Amino acid sequence: MIDNYNNLANAIILQAVKDYRKALRTLSINPNNRSAQYERRRIEQFFRSGWFGALTSIDPEMLITKLKAEVMA
């Protein structure tokens, strides 16, 4: 049962990371893209939420910083 919870938690986080990368890439090409701006803010709110904290012990600020650096590289 615990493995199922961990698998689900990991899948949720990985999808958020993929979506965040996509939004950042879109914004690097078109900074005025409202949809990508909204998506970036929405996912950052998720990363900083209590729900994210319940799913993982990853530091959300560190994750955001690393993903931004990865996409901007």
PDB file of N, CA and C in Angstrom:
ATOM      1  N   MET A   1       0.824  -1.197   0.000  1.00  0.00           N
ATOM      2  CA  MET A   1       0.000   0.000   0.000  1.00  0.00           C
ATOM      3  C   MET A   1       0.869   1.263   0.000  1.00  0.00           C
ATOM      4  N   ILE A   2       1.930   1.254   0.789  1.00  0.00           N
ATOM      5  CA  ILE A   2       2.824   2.416   0.859  1.00  0.00           C
ATOM      6  C   ILE A   2       3.498   2.649  -0.490  1.00  0.00           C
ATOM      7  N   ASP A   3       3.859   1.563  -1.177  1.00  0.00           N
ATOM      8  CA  ASP A   3       4.479   1.710  -2.495  1.00  0.00           C
ATOM      9  C   ASP A   3       3.525   2.394  -3.467  1.00  0.00           C
ATOM     10  N   ASN A   4       2.256   2.052  -3.395  1.00  0.00           N
ATOM     11  CA  ASN A   4       1.276   2.690  -4.274  1.00  0.00           C
ATOM     12  C   ASN A   4       1.191   4.185  -3.991  1.00  0.00           C
ATOM     13  N   TYR A   5       1.188   4.557  -2.723  1.00  0.00           N
ATOM     14  CA  TYR A   5       1.157   5.977  -2.347  1.00  0.00           C
ATOM     15  C   TYR A   5       2.399   6.681  -2.880  1.00  0.00           C
ATOM     16  N   ASN A   6       3.558   6.075  -2.677  1.00  0.00           N
ATOM     17  CA  ASN A   6       4.806   6.686  -3.144  1.00  0.00           C
ATOM     18  C   ASN A   6       4.833   6.818  -4.665  1.00  0.00           C
ATOM     19  N   ASN A   7       4.338   5.808  -5.364  1.00  0.00           N
ATOM     20  CA  ASN A   7       4.289   5.871  -6.826  1.00  0.00           C
ATOM     21  C   ASN A   7       3.377   6.997  -7.294  1.00  0.00           C
ATOM     22  N   LEU A   8       2.224   7.133  -6.654  1.00  0.00           N
ATOM     23  CA  LEU A   8       1.297   8.204  -7.015  1.00  0.00           C
ATOM     24  C   LEU A   8       1.901   9.569  -6.709  1.00  0.00           C
ATOM     25  N   ALA A   9       2.498   9.719  -5.531  1.00  0.00           N
ATOM     26  CA  ALA A   9       3.123  10.988  -5.163  1.00  0.00           C
ATOM     27  C   ALA A   9       4.221  11.359  -6.147  1.00  0.00           C
ATOM     28  N   ASN A  10       5.050  10.401  -6.506  1.00  0.00           N
ATOM     29  CA  ASN A  10       6.128  10.662  -7.469  1.00  0.00           C
ATOM     30  C   ASN A  10       5.576  11.041  -8.831  1.00  0.00           C
ATOM     31  N   ALA A  11       4.517  10.384  -9.269  1.00  0.00           N
ATOM     32  CA  ALA A  11       3.923  10.692 -10.568  1.00  0.00           C
ATOM     33  C   ALA A  11       3.343  12.105 -10.593  1.00  0.00           C
ATOM     34  N   ILE A  12       2.705  12.513  -9.510  1.00  0.00           N
ATOM     35  CA  ILE A  12       2.143  13.865  -9.420  1.00  0.00           C
ATOM     36  C   ILE A  12       3.253  14.903  -9.517  1.00  0.00           C
ATOM     37  N   ILE A  13       4.319  14.694  -8.770  1.00  0.00           N
ATOM     38  CA  ILE A  13       5.437  15.640  -8.753  1.00  0.00           C
ATOM     39  C   ILE A  13       6.133  15.673 -10.113  1.00  0.00           C
ATOM     40  N   LEU A  14       6.374  14.516 -10.709  1.00  0.00           N
ATOM     41  CA  LEU A  14       7.037  14.482 -12.014  1.00  0.00           C
ATOM     42  C   LEU A  14       6.213  15.181 -13.087  1.00  0.00           C
ATOM     43  N   GLN A  15       4.901  15.036 -13.043  1.00  0.00           N
ATOM     44  CA  GLN A  15       4.067  15.722 -14.025  1.00  0.00           C
ATOM     45  C   GLN A  15       4.130  17.231 -13.829  1.00  0.00           C
ATOM     46  N   ALA A  16       4.129  17.674 -12.575  1.00  0.00           N
ATOM     47  CA  ALA A  16       4.247  19.106 -12.301  1.00  0.00           C
ATOM     48  C   ALA A  16       5.582  19.641 -12.798  1.00  0.00           C
ATOM     49  N   VAL A  17       6.653  18.881 -12.611  1.00  0.00           N
ATOM     50  CA  VAL A  17       7.975  19.295 -13.086  1.00  0.00           C
ATOM     51  C   VAL A  17       7.982  19.395 -14.612  1.00  0.00           C
ATOM     52  N   LYS A  18       7.404  18.418 -15.301  1.00  0.00           N
ATOM     53  CA  LYS A  18       7.335  18.463 -16.768  1.00  0.00           C
ATOM     54  C   LYS A  18       6.538  19.683 -17.237  1.00  0.00           C
ATOM     55  N   ASP A  19       5.410  19.926 -16.587  1.00  0.00           N
ATOM     56  CA  ASP A  19       4.572  21.067 -16.966  1.00  0.00           C
ATOM     57  C   ASP A  19       5.283  22.385 -16.693  1.00  0.00           C
ATOM     58  N   TYR A  20       6.041  22.445 -15.594  1.00  0.00           N
ATOM     59  CA  TYR A  20       6.777  23.655 -15.237  1.00  0.00           C
ATOM     60  C   TYR A  20       7.876  23.932 -16.258  1.00  0.00           C
ATOM     61  N   ARG A  21       8.597  22.888 -16.632  1.00  0.00           N
ATOM     62  CA  ARG A  21       9.639  23.041 -17.658  1.00  0.00           C
ATOM     63  C   ARG A  21       9.036  23.564 -18.957  1.00  0.00           C
ATOM     64  N   LYS A  22       7.917  23.005 -19.348  1.00  0.00           N
ATOM     65  CA  LYS A  22       7.260  23.427 -20.587  1.00  0.00           C
ATOM     66  C   LYS A  22       6.867  24.898 -20.515  1.00  0.00           C
ATOM     67  N   ALA A  23       6.296  25.320 -19.392  1.00  0.00           N
ATOM     68  CA  ALA A  23       5.907  26.727 -19.230  1.00  0.00           C
ATOM     69  C   ALA A  23       7.132  27.630 -19.285  1.00  0.00           C
ATOM     70  N   LEU A  24       8.210  27.226 -18.622  1.00  0.00           N
ATOM     71  CA  LEU A  24       9.429  28.043 -18.638  1.00  0.00           C
ATOM     72  C   LEU A  24      10.029  28.135 -20.039  1.00  0.00           C
ATOM     73  N   ARG A  25      10.013  27.046 -20.778  1.00  0.00           N
ATOM     74  CA  ARG A  25      10.534  27.069 -22.147  1.00  0.00           C
ATOM     75  C   ARG A  25       9.700  28.001 -23.024  1.00  0.00           C
ATOM     76  N   THR A  26       8.396  27.921 -22.863  1.00  0.00           N
ATOM     77  CA  THR A  26       7.510  28.800 -23.630  1.00  0.00           C
ATOM     78  C   THR A  26       7.792  30.254 -23.287  1.00  0.00           C
ATOM     79  N   LEU A  27       7.976  30.542 -22.004  1.00  0.00           N
ATOM     80  CA  LEU A  27       8.249  31.918 -21.579  1.00  0.00           C
ATOM     81  C   LEU A  27       9.622  32.401 -22.036  1.00  0.00           C
ATOM     82  N   SER A  28      10.566  31.486 -22.205  1.00  0.00           N
ATOM     83  CA  SER A  28      11.882  31.904 -22.687  1.00  0.00           C
ATOM     84  C   SER A  28      11.802  32.352 -24.150  1.00  0.00           C
ATOM     85  N   ILE A  29      10.848  31.802 -24.882  1.00  0.00           N
ATOM     86  CA  ILE A  29      10.640  32.179 -26.280  1.00  0.00           C
ATOM     87  C   ILE A  29       9.715  33.384 -26.378  1.00  0.00           C
ATOM     88  N   ASN A  30       8.655  33.365 -25.578  1.00  0.00           N
ATOM     89  CA  ASN A  30       7.655  34.429 -25.613  1.00  0.00           C
ATOM     90  C   ASN A  30       7.272  34.822 -24.178  1.00  0.00           C
ATOM     91  N   PRO A  31       7.998  35.773 -23.588  1.00  0.00           N
ATOM     92  CA  PRO A  31       7.748  36.162 -22.192  1.00  0.00           C
ATOM     93  C   PRO A  31       6.348  36.718 -21.935  1.00  0.00           C
ATOM     94  N   ASN A  32       5.644  37.127 -22.973  1.00  0.00           N
ATOM     95  CA  ASN A  32       4.311  37.705 -22.798  1.00  0.00           C
ATOM     96  C   ASN A  32       3.189  36.682 -22.941  1.00  0.00           C
ATOM     97  N   ASN A  33       3.518  35.417 -23.070  1.00  0.00           N
ATOM     98  CA  ASN A  33       2.513  34.374 -23.221  1.00  0.00           C
ATOM     99  C   ASN A  33       1.732  34.226 -21.914  1.00  0.00           C
ATOM    100  N   ARG A  34       0.490  34.693 -21.929  1.00  0.00           N
ATOM    101  CA  ARG A  34      -0.332  34.713 -20.704  1.00  0.00           C
ATOM    102  C   ARG A  34      -0.622  33.313 -20.173  1.00  0.00           C
ATOM    103  N   SER A  35      -0.844  32.379 -21.055  1.00  0.00           N
ATOM    104  CA  SER A  35      -1.133  31.016 -20.642  1.00  0.00           C
ATOM    105  C   SER A  35       0.053  30.406 -19.895  1.00  0.00           C
ATOM    106  N   ALA A  36       1.252  30.603 -20.437  1.00  0.00           N
ATOM    107  CA  ALA A  36       2.460  30.079 -19.801  1.00  0.00           C
ATOM    108  C   ALA A  36       2.752  30.809 -18.484  1.00  0.00           C
ATOM    109  N   GLN A  37       2.473  32.109 -18.442  1.00  0.00           N
ATOM    110  CA  GLN A  37       2.648  32.861 -17.189  1.00  0.00           C
ATOM    111  C   GLN A  37       1.731  32.300 -16.106  1.00  0.00           C
ATOM    112  N   TYR A  38       0.477  32.054 -16.474  1.00  0.00           N
ATOM    113  CA  TYR A  38      -0.494  31.502 -15.528  1.00  0.00           C
ATOM    114  C   TYR A  38      -0.052  30.118 -15.058  1.00  0.00           C
ATOM    115  N   GLU A  39       0.369  29.273 -16.010  1.00  0.00           N
ATOM    116  CA  GLU A  39       0.796  27.920 -15.676  1.00  0.00           C
ATOM    117  C   GLU A  39       2.002  27.953 -14.738  1.00  0.00           C
ATOM    118  N   ARG A  40       2.971  28.814 -15.019  1.00  0.00           N
ATOM    119  CA  ARG A  40       4.146  28.938 -14.151  1.00  0.00           C
ATOM    120  C   ARG A  40       3.734  29.322 -12.731  1.00  0.00           C
ATOM    121  N   ARG A  41       2.874  30.328 -12.599  1.00  0.00           N
ATOM    122  CA  ARG A  41       2.419  30.757 -11.263  1.00  0.00           C
ATOM    123  C   ARG A  41       1.644  29.653 -10.550  1.00  0.00           C
ATOM    124  N   ARG A  42       0.794  28.965 -11.291  1.00  0.00           N
ATOM    125  CA  ARG A  42      -0.025  27.897 -10.708  1.00  0.00           C
ATOM    126  C   ARG A  42       0.850  26.763 -10.174  1.00  0.00           C
ATOM    127  N   ILE A  43       1.850  26.380 -10.936  1.00  0.00           N
ATOM    128  CA  ILE A  43       2.720  25.282 -10.508  1.00  0.00           C
ATOM    129  C   ILE A  43       3.617  25.724  -9.363  1.00  0.00           C
ATOM    130  N   GLU A  44       4.105  26.963  -9.379  1.00  0.00           N
ATOM    131  CA  GLU A  44       4.893  27.464  -8.250  1.00  0.00           C
ATOM    132  C   GLU A  44       4.055  27.461  -6.973  1.00  0.00           C
ATOM    133  N   GLN A  45       2.781  27.801  -7.080  1.00  0.00           N
ATOM    134  CA  GLN A  45       1.901  27.746  -5.909  1.00  0.00           C
ATOM    135  C   GLN A  45       1.778  26.307  -5.413  1.00  0.00           C
ATOM    136  N   PHE A  46       1.661  25.363  -6.329  1.00  0.00           N
ATOM    137  CA  PHE A  46       1.609  23.953  -5.937  1.00  0.00           C
ATOM    138  C   PHE A  46       2.890  23.544  -5.233  1.00  0.00           C
ATOM    139  N   PHE A  47       4.047  23.910  -5.818  1.00  0.00           N
ATOM    140  CA  PHE A  47       5.327  23.544  -5.204  1.00  0.00           C
ATOM    141  C   PHE A  47       5.443  24.085  -3.778  1.00  0.00           C
ATOM    142  N   ARG A  48       4.851  25.231  -3.522  1.00  0.00           N
ATOM    143  CA  ARG A  48       4.940  25.864  -2.207  1.00  0.00           C
ATOM    144  C   ARG A  48       3.782  25.481  -1.280  1.00  0.00           C
ATOM    145  N   SER A  49       2.928  24.601  -1.730  1.00  0.00           N
ATOM    146  CA  SER A  49       1.729  24.261  -0.969  1.00  0.00           C
ATOM    147  C   SER A  49       1.989  23.176   0.074  1.00  0.00           C
ATOM    148  N   GLY A  50       1.054  23.078   0.988  1.00  0.00           N
ATOM    149  CA  GLY A  50       1.106  22.019   1.989  1.00  0.00           C
ATOM    150  C   GLY A  50       0.946  20.641   1.372  1.00  0.00           C
ATOM    151  N   TRP A  51       0.177  20.571   0.283  1.00  0.00           N
ATOM    152  CA  TRP A  51      -0.015  19.292  -0.390  1.00  0.00           C
ATOM    153  C   TRP A  51       1.308  18.771  -0.950  1.00  0.00           C
ATOM    154  N   PHE A  52       2.093  19.659  -1.581  1.00  0.00           N
ATOM    155  CA  PHE A  52       3.407  19.272  -2.082  1.00  0.00           C
ATOM    156  C   PHE A  52       4.264  18.779  -0.914  1.00  0.00           C
ATOM    157  N   GLY A  53       4.204  19.505   0.210  1.00  0.00           N
ATOM    158  CA  GLY A  53       4.956  19.103   1.393  1.00  0.00           C
ATOM    159  C   GLY A  53       4.533  17.746   1.936  1.00  0.00           C
ATOM    160  N   ALA A  54       3.261  17.397   1.754  1.00  0.00           N
ATOM    161  CA  ALA A  54       2.781  16.086   2.189  1.00  0.00           C
ATOM    162  C   ALA A  54       3.254  14.978   1.246  1.00  0.00           C
ATOM    163  N   LEU A  55       3.481  15.330  -0.013  1.00  0.00           N
ATOM    164  CA  LEU A  55       3.893  14.342  -1.009  1.00  0.00           C
ATOM    165  C   LEU A  55       5.383  14.045  -0.972  1.00  0.00           C
ATOM    166  N   THR A  56       6.179  15.039  -0.579  1.00  0.00           N
ATOM    167  CA  THR A  56       7.638  14.890  -0.660  1.00  0.00           C
ATOM    168  C   THR A  56       8.331  15.779   0.362  1.00  0.00           C
ATOM    169  N   SER A  57       9.591  15.490   0.596  1.00  0.00           N
ATOM    170  CA  SER A  57      10.402  16.337   1.481  1.00  0.00           C
ATOM    171  C   SER A  57      11.320  17.259   0.682  1.00  0.00           C
ATOM    172  N   ILE A  58      11.137  17.303  -0.631  1.00  0.00           N
ATOM    173  CA  ILE A  58      11.948  18.173  -1.492  1.00  0.00           C
ATOM    174  C   ILE A  58      11.680  19.631  -1.129  1.00  0.00           C
ATOM    175  N   ASP A  59      12.747  20.413  -1.035  1.00  0.00           N
ATOM    176  CA  ASP A  59      12.624  21.848  -0.767  1.00  0.00           C
ATOM    177  C   ASP A  59      12.080  22.525  -2.022  1.00  0.00           C
ATOM    178  N   PRO A  60      10.894  23.130  -1.942  1.00  0.00           N
ATOM    179  CA  PRO A  60      10.292  23.701  -3.148  1.00  0.00           C
ATOM    180  C   PRO A  60      11.103  24.837  -3.763  1.00  0.00           C
ATOM    181  N   GLU A  61      11.727  25.677  -2.949  1.00  0.00           N
ATOM    182  CA  GLU A  61      12.514  26.795  -3.488  1.00  0.00           C
ATOM    183  C   GLU A  61      13.738  26.282  -4.238  1.00  0.00           C
ATOM    184  N   MET A  62      14.351  25.240  -3.714  1.00  0.00           N
ATOM    185  CA  MET A  62      15.506  24.636  -4.382  1.00  0.00           C
ATOM    186  C   MET A  62      15.069  24.031  -5.714  1.00  0.00           C
ATOM    187  N   LEU A  63      13.920  23.362  -5.726  1.00  0.00           N
ATOM    188  CA  LEU A  63      13.412  22.756  -6.951  1.00  0.00           C
ATOM    189  C   LEU A  63      13.120  23.819  -8.008  1.00  0.00           C
ATOM    190  N   ILE A  64      12.447  24.885  -7.620  1.00  0.00           N
ATOM    191  CA  ILE A  64      12.134  25.969  -8.552  1.00  0.00           C
ATOM    192  C   ILE A  64      13.411  26.573  -9.121  1.00  0.00           C
ATOM    193  N   THR A  65      14.377  26.850  -8.254  1.00  0.00           N
ATOM    194  CA  THR A  65      15.647  27.436  -8.684  1.00  0.00           C
ATOM    195  C   THR A  65      16.376  26.516  -9.667  1.00  0.00           C
ATOM    196  N   LYS A  66      16.430  25.229  -9.359  1.00  0.00           N
ATOM    197  CA  LYS A  66      17.135  24.290 -10.238  1.00  0.00           C
ATOM    198  C   LYS A  66      16.435  24.146 -11.588  1.00  0.00           C
ATOM    199  N   LEU A  67      15.118  24.111 -11.574  1.00  0.00           N
ATOM    200  CA  LEU A  67      14.395  23.989 -12.838  1.00  0.00           C
ATOM    201  C   LEU A  67      14.562  25.227 -13.695  1.00  0.00           C
ATOM    202  N   LYS A  68      14.533  26.403 -13.079  1.00  0.00           N
ATOM    203  CA  LYS A  68      14.752  27.642 -13.840  1.00  0.00           C
ATOM    204  C   LYS A  68      16.147  27.650 -14.450  1.00  0.00           C
ATOM    205  N   ALA A  69      17.152  27.261 -13.675  1.00  0.00           N
ATOM    206  CA  ALA A  69      18.536  27.231 -14.169  1.00  0.00           C
ATOM    207  C   ALA A  69      18.684  26.221 -15.305  1.00  0.00           C
ATOM    208  N   GLU A  70      18.028  25.087 -15.168  1.00  0.00           N
ATOM    209  CA  GLU A  70      18.096  24.043 -16.190  1.00  0.00           C
ATOM    210  C   GLU A  70      17.510  24.529 -17.517  1.00  0.00           C
ATOM    211  N   VAL A  71      16.392  25.170 -17.455  1.00  0.00           N
ATOM    212  CA  VAL A  71      15.716  25.625 -18.681  1.00  0.00           C
ATOM    213  C   VAL A  71      16.448  26.794 -19.303  1.00  0.00           C
ATOM    214  N   MET A  72      17.021  27.672 -18.482  1.00  0.00           N
ATOM    215  CA  MET A  72      17.698  28.866 -19.000  1.00  0.00           C
ATOM    216  C   MET A  72      19.101  28.544 -19.525  1.00  0.00           C
ATOM    217  N   ALA A  73      19.607  27.341 -19.231  1.00  0.00           N
ATOM    218  CA  ALA A  73      20.962  26.988 -19.656  1.00  0.00           C
ATOM    219  C   ALA A  73      21.040  26.693 -21.130  1.00  0.00           C
TER     220      ALA A  73
END
